[in-house]
Amino acid sequence: MMKLLGAIIILIVTTWTGFEAAKHLSERPRQIRQLKVALQSLEAEIMYGHLPLFDACMNISKQMKKPLSWFFEDFAKRLKNGEQSVREAWNESLEDVKRFTAFKQGEIEVLQQFGETLGQHDRISQQKHILLTLTHLEREELDAQDKQTKYEKMIKSLGFLSGLLLIVLLM
């Protein structure tokens, strides 16, 4: 009876682990899409709303879901303090929030490059930088979707099958 209970627990835990790992794969494209929407909103706020960066980011943080809302809120608060440059505030906010996201190094690098240009140019040039960033994020999103379709089902199955293997080895 105890062996059966232990086997069931092992199977449940390994299957759950496989599903959690697969969830990370499905979160990445979703969060990249949300980030693209946020940057499009930032473009609209800058170009048509003529809002300062602080106000634009606070508005975006209220529209987005976590963890992106945390990022824009933290960035806006750092801007309001005025102790840092825009680039430093962007990069530090990115460092603080990236562990809560499903972003890989590619998305982080694109965002860091965008942070280098943020607030440095006039509205038209800033719009061009946002569009360039959106293009790079589109490429990263396609890569994330490709990896999701290739590996999501396999990782779920691998979690279950590794549990079965462990049960067989322990019996």
Protein backbone atom coordinates (compact mmCIF):
# COMPACT_ATOMS: atom_id res chain seq x y z
CA MET A 1 0.00 0.00 0.00
CA MET A 2 2.80 2.41 0.89
CA LYS A 3 4.63 1.59 -2.35
CA LEU A 4 1.50 2.35 -4.35
CA LEU A 5 0.96 5.63 -2.52
CA GLY A 6 4.62 6.59 -3.06
CA ALA A 7 4.38 5.71 -6.76
CA ILE A 8 1.28 7.85 -7.17
CA ILE A 9 2.96 10.79 -5.43
CA ILE A 10 6.07 10.44 -7.61
CA LEU A 11 3.95 10.32 -10.75
CA ILE A 12 1.91 13.36 -9.73
CA VAL A 13 4.99 15.41 -8.85
CA THR A 14 6.92 14.61 -12.03
CA THR A 15 3.87 15.18 -14.22
CA TRP A 16 3.21 18.50 -12.49
CA THR A 17 6.86 19.48 -12.99
CA GLY A 18 6.57 18.72 -16.71
CA PHE A 19 3.43 20.81 -17.00
CA GLU A 20 5.05 23.72 -15.15
CA ALA A 21 8.06 23.63 -17.47
CA ALA A 22 5.71 23.56 -20.47
CA LYS A 23 3.78 26.49 -19.00
CA HIS A 24 6.96 28.55 -19.11
CA LEU A 25 7.20 27.83 -22.84
CA SER A 26 3.65 29.05 -23.43
CA GLU A 27 4.08 32.12 -21.22
CA ARG A 28 6.99 33.48 -23.26
CA PRO A 29 5.08 34.23 -26.51
CA ARG A 30 2.16 35.63 -24.52
CA GLN A 31 4.38 37.99 -22.56
CA ILE A 32 6.20 39.10 -25.72
CA ARG A 33 2.83 39.95 -27.29
CA GLN A 34 1.91 41.92 -24.16
CA LEU A 35 5.24 43.74 -24.33
CA LYS A 36 4.60 44.65 -27.96
CA VAL A 37 1.18 46.05 -27.00
CA ALA A 38 2.82 48.03 -24.19
CA LEU A 39 5.39 49.53 -26.53
CA GLN A 40 2.68 50.40 -29.04
CA SER A 41 0.80 52.11 -26.23
CA LEU A 42 3.99 53.95 -25.28
CA GLU A 43 4.35 55.10 -28.87
CA ALA A 44 0.77 56.37 -28.91
CA GLU A 45 1.19 58.14 -25.57
CA ILE A 46 4.38 59.85 -26.76
CA MET A 47 3.27 60.68 -30.30
CA TYR A 48 -0.37 61.58 -29.87
CA GLY A 49 -0.86 62.15 -26.18
CA HIS A 50 2.28 64.29 -25.84
CA LEU A 51 2.65 62.89 -22.34
CA PRO A 52 5.90 62.92 -20.40
CA LEU A 53 7.56 59.53 -20.08
CA PHE A 54 6.59 59.22 -16.40
CA ASP A 55 2.87 59.70 -17.09
CA ALA A 56 2.93 57.47 -20.16
CA CYS A 57 4.55 54.63 -18.21
CA MET A 58 2.13 54.97 -15.30
CA ASN A 59 -0.80 54.76 -17.75
CA ILE A 60 0.71 51.67 -19.37
CA SER A 61 1.32 50.02 -15.99
CA LYS A 62 -2.38 50.35 -15.22
CA GLN A 63 -3.33 48.72 -18.54
CA MET A 64 -0.93 45.77 -18.47
CA LYS A 65 -1.02 42.52 -16.53
CA LYS A 66 1.70 41.46 -14.14
CA PRO A 67 4.73 41.20 -14.46
CA LEU A 68 4.83 43.87 -17.21
CA SER A 69 2.74 46.24 -15.11
CA TRP A 70 5.38 45.94 -12.37
CA PHE A 71 8.09 46.83 -14.85
CA PHE A 72 6.44 50.00 -16.14
CA GLU A 73 5.34 51.05 -12.65
CA ASP A 74 8.86 50.58 -11.26
CA PHE A 75 10.33 52.46 -14.22
CA ALA A 76 7.90 55.35 -13.73
CA LYS A 77 8.70 55.55 -10.01
CA ARG A 78 12.42 55.63 -10.74
CA LEU A 79 11.84 58.43 -13.24
CA LYS A 80 9.79 60.38 -10.72
CA ASN A 81 12.60 60.18 -8.16
CA GLY A 82 14.85 61.86 -10.70
CA GLU A 83 18.01 60.39 -9.18
CA GLN A 84 18.84 58.34 -12.27
CA SER A 85 19.00 58.84 -16.00
CA VAL A 86 16.26 57.32 -18.13
CA ARG A 87 18.66 54.61 -19.32
CA GLU A 88 19.69 53.67 -15.77
CA ALA A 89 16.09 53.64 -14.54
CA TRP A 90 15.05 51.44 -17.49
CA ASN A 91 17.89 48.96 -17.01
CA GLU A 92 17.46 48.69 -13.25
CA SER A 93 13.71 48.19 -13.60
CA LEU A 94 14.38 45.51 -16.19
CA GLU A 95 16.85 43.77 -13.87
CA ASP A 96 14.36 43.84 -10.99
CA VAL A 97 11.47 42.40 -12.99
CA LYS A 98 13.11 39.98 -15.43
CA ARG A 99 13.14 37.08 -12.94
CA PHE A 100 9.33 37.25 -12.83
CA THR A 101 9.00 37.04 -16.61
CA ALA A 102 9.42 34.21 -19.09
CA PHE A 103 11.76 36.34 -21.20
CA LYS A 104 14.96 34.83 -22.53
CA GLN A 105 18.22 36.65 -23.15
CA GLY A 106 17.10 37.77 -26.63
CA GLU A 107 14.16 39.79 -25.32
CA ILE A 108 16.23 41.22 -22.49
CA GLU A 109 18.89 42.42 -24.94
CA VAL A 110 16.26 44.01 -27.21
CA LEU A 111 14.80 45.83 -24.21
CA GLN A 112 18.23 46.96 -23.01
CA GLN A 113 19.02 48.34 -26.46
CA PHE A 114 15.69 50.14 -26.50
CA GLY A 115 16.44 51.57 -23.05
CA GLU A 116 19.65 53.08 -24.42
CA THR A 117 17.63 55.24 -26.83
CA LEU A 118 14.62 56.01 -24.65
CA GLY A 119 14.29 59.70 -23.89
CA GLN A 120 17.36 60.59 -25.97
CA HIS A 121 15.63 61.77 -29.14
CA ASP A 122 12.71 63.80 -30.44
CA ARG A 123 9.29 62.21 -30.86
CA ILE A 124 9.79 61.15 -34.50
CA SER A 125 13.13 59.47 -33.80
CA GLN A 126 11.70 57.86 -30.69
CA GLN A 127 8.86 56.46 -32.78
CA LYS A 128 11.41 54.92 -35.17
CA HIS A 129 13.23 53.30 -32.26
CA ILE A 130 9.97 51.88 -30.93
CA LEU A 131 9.14 50.46 -34.36
CA LEU A 132 12.61 48.92 -34.60
CA THR A 133 12.18 47.36 -31.17
CA LEU A 134 8.78 46.00 -32.19
CA THR A 135 10.40 44.41 -35.25
CA HIS A 136 13.01 42.71 -33.09
CA LEU A 137 10.34 41.54 -30.66
CA GLU A 138 8.34 40.13 -33.57
CA ARG A 139 11.34 37.97 -34.45
CA GLU A 140 11.70 36.85 -30.84
CA GLU A 141 7.98 36.05 -30.66
CA LEU A 142 8.21 33.85 -33.76
CA ASP A 143 11.16 32.03 -32.17
CA ALA A 144 9.21 31.58 -28.93
CA GLN A 145 6.17 30.23 -30.78
CA ASP A 146 8.38 27.85 -32.74
CA LYS A 147 9.93 26.50 -29.55
CA GLN A 148 6.53 26.22 -27.94
CA THR A 149 5.11 24.14 -30.79
CA LYS A 150 8.21 21.94 -30.92
CA TYR A 151 8.78 21.27 -27.24
CA GLU A 152 5.65 21.91 -25.18
CA LYS A 153 4.00 18.53 -25.72
CA MET A 154 7.35 16.75 -25.41
CA ILE A 155 8.11 18.37 -22.05
CA LYS A 156 4.69 17.45 -20.68
CA SER A 157 5.18 13.84 -21.80
CA LEU A 158 8.72 13.79 -20.46
CA GLY A 159 7.50 14.77 -17.00
CA PHE A 160 5.01 11.92 -16.94
CA LEU A 161 7.41 9.39 -18.45
CA SER A 162 10.25 10.31 -16.10
CA GLY A 163 7.87 9.63 -13.23
CA LEU A 164 7.08 6.21 -14.65
CA LEU A 165 10.78 5.48 -15.10
CA LEU A 166 11.52 6.51 -11.53
CA ILE A 167 8.71 4.28 -10.26
CA VAL A 168 10.01 1.31 -12.24
CA LEU A 169 13.56 1.87 -10.98
CA LEU A 170 12.44 2.14 -7.36
CA MET A 171 10.18 -0.92 -7.41
